[in-house]
Protein backbone atom coordinates (compact mmCIF):
# COMPACT_ATOMS: atom_id res chain seq x y z
CA MET A 1 -30.60 -23.66 16.21
CA THR A 2 -28.40 -23.51 19.31
CA THR A 3 -28.46 -20.23 21.21
CA GLN A 4 -25.07 -18.94 22.35
CA HIS A 5 -24.42 -17.79 25.87
CA PRO A 6 -24.48 -13.94 26.21
CA LEU A 7 -20.77 -13.87 27.12
CA THR A 8 -19.93 -15.82 23.96
CA GLU A 9 -22.03 -13.46 21.87
CA GLN A 10 -20.28 -10.44 23.39
CA ALA A 11 -16.91 -12.04 22.72
CA GLU A 12 -17.91 -12.64 19.10
CA ALA A 13 -18.78 -8.94 18.73
CA LEU A 14 -15.43 -7.92 20.27
CA HIS A 15 -13.61 -10.29 17.93
CA ALA A 16 -15.35 -8.64 14.95
CA LEU A 17 -14.00 -5.28 16.19
CA GLY A 18 -10.48 -6.66 16.47
CA ARG A 19 -10.48 -6.59 20.28
CA ASP A 20 -9.36 -10.19 20.65
CA ASP A 21 -7.67 -9.85 24.03
CA ASP A 22 -10.88 -8.47 25.53
CA ALA A 23 -12.85 -11.24 23.86
CA LYS A 24 -10.49 -13.84 25.34
CA GLU A 25 -11.14 -12.50 28.84
CA LEU A 26 -14.90 -12.89 28.41
CA LEU A 27 -14.49 -16.39 27.00
CA ALA A 28 -12.23 -17.39 29.88
CA ARG A 29 -14.99 -16.33 32.26
CA ARG A 30 -17.55 -18.30 30.29
CA LEU A 31 -15.42 -21.46 30.16
CA ALA A 32 -14.73 -21.20 33.87
CA GLU A 33 -18.49 -21.46 34.33
CA ASP A 34 -18.99 -24.27 31.79
CA THR A 35 -16.07 -26.15 30.24
CA GLU A 36 -18.48 -27.99 27.94
CA ASP A 37 -19.52 -24.90 25.96
CA GLY A 38 -18.25 -25.89 22.52
CA ALA A 39 -19.24 -22.57 20.90
CA ALA A 40 -17.11 -20.71 23.45
CA TRP A 41 -14.12 -22.94 22.66
CA VAL A 42 -14.52 -22.28 18.94
CA GLN A 43 -14.78 -18.53 19.46
CA LEU A 44 -11.71 -18.63 21.70
CA ALA A 45 -9.87 -20.47 18.92
CA ARG A 46 -10.82 -17.72 16.47
CA CYS A 47 -9.35 -15.11 18.82
CA HIS A 48 -6.11 -17.11 19.12
CA LEU A 49 -5.98 -17.42 15.32
CA ALA A 50 -6.36 -13.66 14.89
CA LEU A 51 -3.52 -13.15 17.40
CA ARG A 52 -1.36 -15.76 15.61
CA GLU A 53 -1.29 -17.99 18.68
CA PHE A 54 -1.45 -21.13 16.56
CA ASP A 55 -0.59 -23.70 19.20
CA GLU A 56 -3.50 -22.39 21.26
CA VAL A 57 -5.74 -22.63 18.20
CA ILE A 58 -4.99 -26.34 17.99
CA ARG A 59 -5.56 -26.86 21.71
CA THR A 60 -8.86 -24.98 21.88
CA THR A 61 -10.30 -26.55 18.74
CA GLY A 62 -9.32 -29.91 20.19
CA GLU A 63 -11.51 -29.14 23.19
CA ALA A 64 -14.37 -28.07 20.91
CA LEU A 65 -14.13 -31.29 18.88
CA ARG A 66 -13.99 -33.37 22.02
CA ILE A 67 -17.40 -31.94 22.89
CA ALA A 68 -18.81 -32.03 19.33
CA PRO A 69 -16.70 -34.17 16.94
CA GLU A 70 -18.75 -33.03 13.94
CA ASP A 71 -18.50 -29.29 14.59
CA TYR A 72 -17.44 -28.06 11.16
CA ASP A 73 -16.71 -24.54 12.50
CA ALA A 74 -14.13 -26.02 14.85
CA LEU A 75 -12.64 -28.02 11.99
CA ILE A 76 -12.36 -24.88 9.85
CA VAL A 77 -10.46 -22.94 12.52
CA ARG A 78 -8.35 -25.98 13.39
CA ALA A 79 -7.32 -26.43 9.75
CA TYR A 80 -5.95 -22.88 9.66
CA GLY A 81 -4.04 -23.41 12.91
CA LEU A 82 -2.53 -26.65 11.65
CA ARG A 83 -1.66 -25.02 8.32
CA ARG A 84 0.18 -22.19 10.07
CA THR A 85 2.23 -24.61 12.18
CA GLY A 86 3.38 -26.58 9.16
CA ARG A 87 1.21 -29.63 9.81
CA ARG A 88 -0.16 -29.61 6.30
CA ASP A 89 -1.36 -33.23 6.12
CA GLU A 90 -3.42 -32.79 9.29
CA ALA A 91 -4.71 -29.45 8.03
CA LEU A 92 -5.83 -31.09 4.79
CA ALA A 93 -7.58 -33.88 6.70
CA ALA A 94 -9.43 -31.36 8.89
CA ALA A 95 -10.51 -29.29 5.87
CA GLN A 96 -11.69 -32.38 3.98
CA GLU A 97 -13.73 -33.47 6.99
CA ALA A 98 -15.31 -30.00 7.21
CA VAL A 99 -16.30 -30.21 3.53
CA ARG A 100 -17.74 -33.69 4.08
CA LEU A 101 -19.85 -32.42 6.98
CA ARG A 102 -21.00 -29.24 5.24
CA PRO A 103 -20.50 -29.54 1.45
CA GLU A 104 -22.89 -26.64 0.75
CA SER A 105 -20.80 -24.17 2.79
CA TRP A 106 -18.50 -21.81 0.91
CA ALA A 107 -16.38 -21.42 4.05
CA THR A 108 -15.49 -25.12 4.19
CA HIS A 109 -14.36 -25.04 0.56
CA ILE A 110 -12.23 -21.92 1.08
CA THR A 111 -10.64 -23.73 4.03
CA LEU A 112 -9.92 -26.69 1.77
CA ALA A 113 -8.35 -24.35 -0.79
CA GLU A 114 -6.11 -22.98 1.98
CA ALA A 115 -5.06 -26.47 3.05
CA VAL A 116 -4.33 -27.58 -0.51
CA SER A 117 -2.22 -24.44 -1.13
CA ALA A 118 0.43 -25.86 1.22
CA TRP A 119 1.69 -27.75 -1.86
CA GLN A 120 2.93 -25.33 -4.53
CA GLU A 121 2.25 -27.78 -7.33
CA ARG A 122 -1.41 -27.82 -6.25
CA TRP A 123 -1.98 -24.05 -6.44
CA PRO A 124 -4.16 -24.43 -9.57
CA GLU A 125 -6.30 -26.90 -7.59
CA SER A 126 -6.67 -24.34 -4.78
CA PHE A 127 -7.90 -21.82 -7.33
CA ALA A 128 -10.44 -24.29 -8.74
CA ILE A 129 -11.75 -25.00 -5.24
CA ALA A 130 -12.10 -21.26 -4.58
CA GLU A 131 -14.03 -20.89 -7.84
CA HIS A 132 -16.41 -23.61 -6.64
CA ALA A 133 -16.85 -21.73 -3.34
CA VAL A 134 -17.86 -18.63 -5.30
CA ARG A 135 -20.45 -20.63 -7.21
CA LEU A 136 -21.88 -21.79 -3.88
CA ALA A 137 -22.22 -18.24 -2.51
CA PRO A 138 -21.90 -15.62 -5.26
CA GLU A 139 -23.46 -12.90 -3.08
CA GLU A 140 -21.13 -13.42 -0.12
CA PRO A 141 -18.43 -10.70 -0.05
CA ASP A 142 -15.92 -12.73 1.99
CA VAL A 143 -15.80 -15.57 -0.50
CA TYR A 144 -14.14 -13.25 -3.02
CA ARG A 145 -11.20 -12.70 -0.72
CA GLY A 146 -10.48 -16.40 -1.01
CA LEU A 147 -10.82 -16.26 -4.77
CA TRP A 148 -8.46 -13.28 -4.86
CA LYS A 149 -5.85 -15.03 -2.73
CA TYR A 150 -5.76 -18.28 -4.69
CA SER A 151 -5.96 -16.55 -8.06
CA LEU A 152 -2.85 -14.67 -6.93
CA LEU A 153 -1.10 -17.98 -6.25
CA ALA A 154 -2.25 -19.40 -9.57
CA GLY A 155 -1.24 -16.30 -11.54
CA ARG A 156 -4.80 -15.58 -12.68
CA HIS A 157 -4.73 -11.79 -12.81
CA ASP A 158 -8.12 -11.64 -14.50
CA ALA A 159 -9.69 -13.48 -11.57
CA GLN A 160 -7.87 -11.19 -9.13
CA ARG A 161 -9.46 -8.12 -10.69
CA PHE A 162 -12.85 -9.83 -10.84
CA ALA A 163 -12.67 -10.80 -7.16
CA VAL A 164 -11.84 -7.25 -6.06
CA ALA A 165 -14.59 -5.74 -8.22
CA GLU A 166 -17.22 -8.18 -6.94
CA ALA A 167 -16.19 -7.72 -3.32
CA LEU A 168 -16.52 -3.95 -3.64
CA ARG A 169 -19.86 -4.31 -5.42
CA LEU A 170 -21.21 -6.32 -2.51
CA ASP A 171 -19.38 -4.42 0.23
CA PRO A 172 -18.04 -0.98 -0.81
CA ASP A 173 -16.31 -0.64 2.58
CA SER A 174 -14.38 -3.89 2.26
CA THR A 175 -10.93 -3.10 3.68
CA TRP A 176 -8.90 -5.74 1.85
CA ALA A 177 -10.65 -5.04 -1.47
CA ARG A 178 -10.09 -1.29 -1.28
CA GLN A 179 -6.47 -1.89 -0.38
CA GLU A 180 -5.99 -4.29 -3.27
CA LEU A 181 -7.77 -1.93 -5.68
CA ALA A 182 -5.34 0.81 -4.66
CA ALA A 183 -2.40 -1.51 -5.34
CA GLN A 184 -3.83 -2.46 -8.75
CA GLN A 185 -4.38 1.17 -9.72
CA ALA A 186 -0.88 2.15 -8.58
CA ALA A 187 0.67 -0.69 -10.58
CA ALA A 188 -1.16 0.18 -13.81
CA PRO A 189 1.28 0.73 -16.72
CA GLY A 190 1.96 4.36 -17.57
CA ILE A 191 0.41 5.75 -14.40
CA ARG A 192 1.83 9.09 -13.28
CA LEU A 193 3.27 9.58 -9.81
CA PRO A 194 0.43 11.85 -8.51
CA ALA A 195 -2.18 9.28 -9.57
CA LYS A 196 -0.12 6.49 -8.02
CA ALA A 197 0.18 8.45 -4.77
CA ALA A 198 -3.58 9.09 -4.79
CA ALA A 199 -4.23 5.36 -5.21
CA TYR A 200 -1.99 4.50 -2.26
CA ALA A 201 -3.64 7.24 -0.19
CA ASP A 202 -7.06 5.75 -0.94
CA GLY A 203 -5.83 2.34 0.14
CA LEU A 204 -4.34 3.77 3.30
CA ALA A 205 -7.64 5.45 4.12
CA ALA A 206 -9.22 1.99 4.04
CA GLU A 207 -6.41 0.40 6.07
CA PRO A 208 -4.67 3.11 8.16
CA ASP A 209 -2.44 0.59 9.94
CA SER A 210 -0.96 -0.88 6.75
CA ALA A 211 2.80 -0.44 6.99
CA LEU A 212 3.22 -1.62 3.39
CA LEU A 213 0.86 0.99 1.95
CA ARG A 214 2.43 3.68 4.13
CA ALA A 215 5.89 2.78 2.86
CA LYS A 216 4.73 2.76 -0.78
CA LEU A 217 3.01 6.13 -0.36
CA ASP A 218 6.12 7.60 1.26
CA LEU A 219 8.31 6.31 -1.57
CA THR A 220 5.98 7.65 -4.26
CA VAL A 221 5.75 11.08 -2.64
CA PHE A 222 9.54 11.16 -2.25
CA ARG A 223 9.91 10.40 -5.96
CA MET A 224 7.56 13.30 -6.70
CA LEU A 225 9.64 15.55 -4.48
CA ARG A 226 12.83 14.54 -6.26
CA GLY A 227 11.30 15.79 -9.50
CA THR A 228 11.47 19.36 -8.21
CA ARG A 229 15.23 19.30 -8.75
CA TRP A 230 14.61 19.28 -12.49
CA LEU A 231 12.71 22.55 -12.06
CA ALA A 232 15.86 24.01 -10.49
CA VAL A 233 17.90 22.75 -13.45
CA LEU A 234 15.38 24.30 -15.84
CA SER A 235 15.51 27.60 -13.95
CA LEU A 236 19.30 27.68 -14.16
CA CYS A 237 19.17 26.95 -17.88
CA ILE A 238 16.63 29.76 -18.42
CA ALA A 239 18.84 32.22 -16.53
CA GLY A 240 21.96 31.09 -18.37
CA ALA A 241 20.30 31.38 -21.77
CA PHE A 242 18.91 34.86 -21.16
CA ILE A 243 22.22 36.41 -20.18
CA ASP A 244 24.16 34.27 -22.64
CA LEU A 245 26.43 32.78 -19.96
CA PHE A 246 28.27 30.52 -22.39
CA PRO A 247 28.39 32.29 -25.75
CA THR A 248 29.02 30.13 -28.83
CA GLU A 249 32.49 30.43 -30.23
CA GLY A 250 32.56 32.64 -33.29
CA GLU A 251 29.33 34.46 -32.37
CA THR A 252 29.04 37.85 -30.76
CA PRO A 253 27.85 37.43 -27.15
CA LYS A 254 24.98 39.45 -25.82
CA GLU A 255 25.96 42.80 -24.44
CA LEU A 256 25.93 43.05 -20.63
CA PRO A 257 24.12 44.10 -18.58
CA ILE A 258 20.96 42.53 -20.02
CA PRO A 259 17.97 44.95 -20.17
CA LEU A 260 15.65 44.83 -17.18
CA GLY A 261 12.70 43.71 -19.31
CA MET A 262 14.54 40.59 -20.46
CA ARG A 263 15.65 39.80 -16.91
CA LEU A 264 12.10 40.10 -15.64
CA TYR A 265 10.90 37.91 -18.49
CA ALA A 266 13.41 35.23 -17.42
CA LEU A 267 11.99 35.40 -13.88
CA PHE A 268 8.49 35.07 -15.30
CA LEU A 269 9.47 31.89 -17.17
CA MET A 270 10.99 30.42 -14.01
CA ALA A 271 7.85 31.23 -12.05
CA LEU A 272 5.75 29.66 -14.79
CA ALA A 273 7.85 26.49 -14.70
CA TRP A 274 7.47 26.21 -10.92
CA GLY A 275 3.80 27.10 -11.05
CA LEU A 276 2.95 24.43 -13.59
CA GLY A 277 5.49 21.87 -12.45
CA ALA A 278 5.04 22.06 -8.68
CA LEU A 279 2.56 24.51 -7.20
CA LEU A 280 -0.39 23.69 -9.46
CA ARG A 281 0.30 19.96 -9.14
CA TYR A 282 0.54 20.31 -5.35
CA ARG A 283 -2.84 22.05 -5.17
CA LYS A 284 -4.43 19.23 -7.17
CA LEU A 285 -3.08 16.50 -4.89
CA ARG A 286 -5.40 14.65 -2.53
CA SER A 287 -5.29 15.94 1.02
CA GLY A 288 -3.83 12.62 2.14
CA VAL A 289 -0.94 12.99 -0.29
CA ARG A 290 -0.29 16.59 0.77
CA LEU A 291 -0.26 15.55 4.41
CA THR A 292 2.18 12.77 3.57
CA LEU A 293 4.46 15.27 1.83
CA GLN A 294 4.45 17.53 4.86
CA SER A 295 5.05 14.57 7.16
CA LEU A 296 7.88 13.30 4.97
CA LEU A 297 9.65 16.64 5.15
CA ARG A 298 9.48 16.46 8.95
CA ARG A 299 10.55 12.83 9.20
CA MET A 300 13.06 12.29 6.44
CA PHE A 301 16.41 14.06 6.11
CA TRP A 302 16.77 13.13 2.42
CA ALA A 303 13.40 14.68 1.63
CA ARG A 304 14.50 17.94 3.21
CA LEU A 305 17.82 17.74 1.37
CA VAL A 306 16.11 17.26 -2.00
CA LEU A 307 13.85 20.24 -1.41
CA ALA A 308 16.80 22.35 -0.21
CA GLN A 309 18.71 21.52 -3.39
CA ALA A 310 15.76 22.52 -5.56
CA VAL A 311 15.38 25.80 -3.67
CA TRP A 312 19.15 26.45 -3.74
CA GLY A 313 19.42 25.95 -7.50
CA THR A 314 16.37 28.12 -8.15
CA LEU A 315 17.61 30.94 -5.90
CA LEU A 316 20.94 31.01 -7.72
CA ALA A 317 19.05 31.11 -11.02
CA VAL A 318 17.06 34.11 -9.74
CA VAL A 319 20.28 35.87 -8.71
CA ILE A 320 21.85 35.18 -12.09
CA ALA A 321 18.83 36.54 -13.93
CA LEU A 322 18.01 39.48 -11.69
CA VAL A 323 21.40 41.11 -11.10
CA PRO A 324 22.60 43.45 -13.90
CA TRP A 325 25.94 41.70 -14.42
CA SER A 326 28.64 43.55 -16.36
CA GLU A 327 30.85 40.43 -16.66
CA ARG A 328 30.11 36.71 -17.01
CA GLY A 329 32.66 35.31 -14.56
CA ILE A 330 30.64 35.47 -11.34
CA PRO A 331 27.31 34.31 -12.84
CA GLN A 332 29.14 31.39 -14.45
CA VAL A 333 30.45 30.34 -11.02
CA LEU A 334 26.95 30.70 -9.55
CA PHE A 335 25.54 28.63 -12.41
CA TRP A 336 27.89 25.69 -11.82
CA THR A 337 27.52 26.03 -8.05
CA GLY A 338 23.80 25.53 -8.42
CA LEU A 339 23.85 22.94 -11.19
CA ILE A 340 26.60 20.48 -10.23
CA PRO A 341 25.24 19.39 -6.78
CA VAL A 342 21.75 18.91 -8.21
CA LEU A 343 22.94 16.89 -11.22
CA LEU A 344 25.19 14.75 -9.04
CA THR A 345 22.33 13.73 -6.74
CA ILE A 346 20.06 13.13 -9.75
CA TRP A 347 22.76 10.87 -11.19
CA PHE A 348 23.15 8.95 -7.92
CA ASP A 349 19.34 8.55 -7.64
CA ARG A 350 18.90 7.08 -11.10
CA PRO A 351 17.78 3.43 -11.36
CA ARG A 352 20.71 1.07 -11.89
CA ARG A 353 20.61 -2.14 -13.87
CA ARG A 354 22.56 -5.12 -12.70
């Protein structure tokens, strides 16, 4: 077994931490000392691949293969660089050579699956290759990421779920698996918005820099916030019903002012609706979801507007119920003033079919 130079080992550790620029500096120092260090060239290629510097990946793996033409690690990294630059035939050739040199390696087979996936009609073949890689190393967590990816291309949702479950069994802290599990839970049919938000929050905890998960969590929390407008509508309806704002034609309307006990009972029902519909639900939310709600109210004008509308409608409902009105004219105006803006925005927010 070949021992790596200490600078190459340090660079490998930095690469594992995502500090690829720092790793590149160490490798540049090492290669300035010895341009024939093939392991250093391969590690430098990995850093370039992580930074999406694909032309440099091809150049550095070329140097590594010049030194050791049968270095299957170099061929693996080179295949990914060629694949990302659209040179799919060369990528396939590099992956096939890596498999020939190391047929017992799951990594070479996953690389071959990646190369084959450049042809859409061969996506089922990519999936079959990934399945073979899993059979070679069933206790290797990283192999299941490949299975997940190519099962996604092949439309094998059962294999997707299996890959995520196995990856988390072997490595409970697996970032990609936790993120994918959150997406699966959030997409489950019939899931309620708080549970969906909790799933996205769990995924974001595993991958804090994920812009996609952040956007999905923001959208879900915003949809939850929009639901508070219905509580304002309910409050207005409770107030209107208790003081008989719109008496039925032919029936004797309630005598005004309404007794204090009935007005207080209307307030109690409004408080109960808000308590069950918003406050209790808010207290049960994950801390990450609550923090997102607070952040959304600071960052997003429409979130503040939605909450303001809910508060405005509810305040008018309280005024309608609490004041001992002797006539219905003013409370009717207050009712429509609170209801119409809320219903209009609810109507504009509704999903539209094309």
